[in-house]
Protein backbone atom coordinates (compact mmCIF):
# COMPACT_ATOMS: atom_id res chain seq x y z
CA MET A 1 7.65 -31.79 -55.20
CA SER A 2 5.79 -29.76 -52.59
CA CYS A 3 5.37 -26.00 -52.55
CA SER A 4 6.57 -25.65 -48.98
CA GLY A 5 9.42 -23.33 -49.83
CA ASP A 6 12.11 -25.93 -49.07
CA SER A 7 13.57 -25.74 -52.55
CA ASP A 8 15.58 -22.98 -54.20
CA ASP A 9 13.84 -23.81 -57.48
CA ASP A 10 10.16 -23.17 -56.90
CA SER A 11 9.27 -22.75 -60.58
CA SER A 12 6.94 -25.74 -60.42
CA CYS A 13 4.99 -24.00 -57.64
CA LYS A 14 4.18 -20.79 -59.52
CA ARG A 15 0.50 -20.24 -60.02
CA LYS A 16 -1.31 -17.72 -62.13
CA VAL A 17 -2.88 -15.28 -59.68
CA ALA A 18 -5.60 -12.70 -60.32
CA TYR A 19 -5.87 -9.72 -57.96
CA VAL A 20 -9.20 -7.90 -58.04
CA TYR A 21 -8.40 -4.21 -57.73
CA SER A 22 -9.19 -0.72 -58.93
CA PRO A 23 -8.58 2.65 -57.26
CA GLU A 24 -12.34 3.24 -57.19
CA TYR A 25 -12.94 -0.09 -55.49
CA ILE A 26 -10.33 0.63 -52.82
CA GLN A 27 -11.86 4.07 -52.24
CA THR A 28 -15.29 2.50 -51.72
CA CYS A 29 -13.87 -0.10 -49.33
CA ASP A 30 -11.97 2.58 -47.40
CA SER A 31 -15.26 4.34 -46.65
CA LEU A 32 -16.18 1.78 -44.00
CA SER A 33 -15.85 3.65 -40.69
CA LYS A 34 -15.19 0.51 -38.61
CA VAL A 35 -11.90 -0.10 -40.42
CA PRO A 36 -10.96 3.18 -42.13
CA ASN A 37 -8.38 2.93 -44.92
CA ARG A 38 -7.86 -0.79 -44.36
CA ALA A 39 -8.16 -1.58 -48.06
CA SER A 40 -5.59 1.10 -48.94
CA MET A 41 -3.18 -0.22 -46.34
CA VAL A 42 -3.48 -3.76 -47.67
CA HIS A 43 -2.96 -2.57 -51.24
CA SER A 44 0.05 -0.48 -50.14
CA LEU A 45 1.61 -3.59 -48.60
CA ILE A 46 1.02 -5.54 -51.81
CA GLU A 47 2.77 -2.77 -53.76
CA ALA A 48 5.60 -2.41 -51.22
CA TYR A 49 6.40 -6.12 -51.37
CA GLY A 50 6.47 -6.02 -55.18
CA LEU A 51 3.66 -8.54 -55.48
CA LEU A 52 1.83 -6.77 -58.31
CA LYS A 53 4.40 -8.03 -60.82
CA HIS A 54 3.41 -11.59 -59.90
CA MET A 55 -0.33 -11.10 -60.44
CA SER A 56 -2.78 -10.07 -63.10
CA VAL A 57 -4.80 -7.08 -61.93
CA VAL A 58 -8.50 -7.47 -62.73
CA LYS A 59 -10.95 -4.58 -62.46
CA PRO A 60 -13.98 -5.54 -60.35
CA GLN A 61 -17.54 -5.31 -61.55
CA VAL A 62 -20.25 -3.94 -59.28
CA ALA A 63 -22.88 -6.52 -58.35
CA THR A 64 -26.36 -5.82 -59.65
CA ILE A 65 -29.47 -6.27 -57.57
CA GLU A 66 -30.06 -9.48 -59.53
CA ASP A 67 -26.57 -10.73 -58.63
CA MET A 68 -27.12 -10.04 -54.95
CA ALA A 69 -30.61 -11.58 -55.01
CA LYS A 70 -29.00 -14.93 -55.86
CA PHE A 71 -27.45 -14.94 -52.38
CA HIS A 72 -29.74 -12.71 -50.29
CA THR A 73 -33.47 -12.37 -49.71
CA ASP A 74 -35.43 -9.52 -51.24
CA SER A 75 -36.35 -8.26 -47.77
CA TYR A 76 -32.68 -8.05 -46.75
CA LEU A 77 -31.73 -6.17 -49.91
CA GLU A 78 -34.68 -3.80 -49.52
CA HIS A 79 -33.67 -3.15 -45.91
CA LEU A 80 -30.04 -2.59 -46.87
CA HIS A 81 -31.08 -0.12 -49.56
CA LYS A 82 -33.42 1.71 -47.15
CA ILE A 83 -30.87 2.15 -44.35
CA SER A 84 -28.12 2.99 -46.82
CA GLN A 85 -29.77 6.31 -47.62
CA ASP A 86 -29.00 7.86 -44.24
CA GLY A 87 -26.83 5.33 -42.42
CA ASP A 88 -29.62 4.59 -39.93
CA ASN A 89 -27.91 2.39 -37.36
CA ASP A 90 -30.90 2.55 -35.01
CA ASP A 91 -33.40 0.70 -37.20
CA PRO A 92 -34.58 -2.21 -35.01
CA GLN A 93 -34.91 -4.51 -38.03
CA SER A 94 -31.14 -4.22 -38.69
CA GLY A 95 -30.40 -6.62 -35.84
CA ASP A 96 -32.56 -9.25 -37.52
CA TYR A 97 -30.14 -9.15 -40.45
CA GLY A 98 -26.95 -9.20 -38.39
CA LEU A 99 -26.28 -5.51 -38.90
CA GLY A 100 -25.04 -3.46 -36.00
CA TYR A 101 -21.90 -3.58 -33.88
CA ASP A 102 -19.73 -5.91 -35.96
CA CYS A 103 -21.31 -4.84 -39.24
CA PRO A 104 -22.09 -1.16 -38.70
CA VAL A 105 -24.70 0.55 -40.79
CA VAL A 106 -23.20 3.53 -42.57
CA GLU A 107 -24.45 5.80 -45.29
CA GLY A 108 -23.76 4.08 -48.60
CA ILE A 109 -23.66 0.54 -47.15
CA TYR A 110 -25.68 -0.76 -50.09
CA ASP A 111 -23.11 0.55 -52.59
CA TYR A 112 -20.34 -0.90 -50.45
CA ALA A 113 -22.04 -4.31 -50.44
CA ALA A 114 -22.57 -4.15 -54.21
CA ALA A 115 -18.90 -3.26 -54.74
CA VAL A 116 -17.53 -6.02 -52.49
CA GLY A 117 -20.01 -8.59 -53.77
CA GLY A 118 -19.24 -7.67 -57.36
CA ALA A 119 -15.51 -7.93 -56.74
CA THR A 120 -15.97 -11.39 -55.26
CA LEU A 121 -18.09 -12.43 -58.25
CA THR A 122 -15.34 -11.06 -60.52
CA ALA A 123 -12.76 -13.17 -58.68
CA ALA A 124 -14.96 -16.25 -59.00
CA GLN A 125 -15.51 -15.62 -62.71
CA CYS A 126 -11.74 -15.48 -63.27
CA LEU A 127 -11.48 -18.94 -61.73
CA MET A 128 -14.42 -20.30 -63.71
CA ASP A 129 -12.98 -18.93 -66.95
CA GLN A 130 -9.63 -20.52 -66.02
CA LYS A 131 -7.85 -17.17 -66.34
CA CYS A 132 -6.04 -18.00 -63.11
CA GLU A 133 -5.51 -20.68 -60.51
CA VAL A 134 -5.83 -18.31 -57.56
CA SER A 135 -8.08 -15.28 -57.42
CA VAL A 136 -7.86 -12.73 -54.61
CA ASN A 137 -10.32 -10.09 -53.45
CA TRP A 138 -8.42 -8.77 -50.43
CA ALA A 139 -11.16 -6.30 -49.49
CA GLY A 140 -13.93 -8.89 -49.64
CA GLY A 141 -15.54 -10.48 -46.64
CA TRP A 142 -12.59 -10.29 -44.25
CA HIS A 143 -13.50 -12.38 -41.22
CA HIS A 144 -16.99 -12.99 -42.65
CA ALA A 145 -15.62 -14.66 -45.78
CA LYS A 146 -16.07 -18.36 -46.34
CA LYS A 147 -14.20 -20.74 -48.62
């Protein structure tokens, strides 16, 4: 049987889903000026459609510098930390790291990156621990995310 929605009895298609969420995480994600309150709007839709009752809510961890260093160079992380202090969007080195128009530099960008990265790692850990079959971090990556 496929899970295409053709059947009235889709009980064989139900999967255990983990949703990475906390109010603090959403607040951090909402701070991004390029897409203000996007995370809250997405979460509100999830609530409005009654989807929370079909998922396990998992509180995200914040990525440590060691966690992020597994995926990023030390120079990138140092730069991100430096520009995060004052939201310096004019630092010429930012362009070398893909920061700018599409990924604006804002005050607190380092904390934002640690929150989103940690939430994604939390989602991955749920899958690795077989706590779920599907793990969702709706505020993570957006169009930059990869499978």
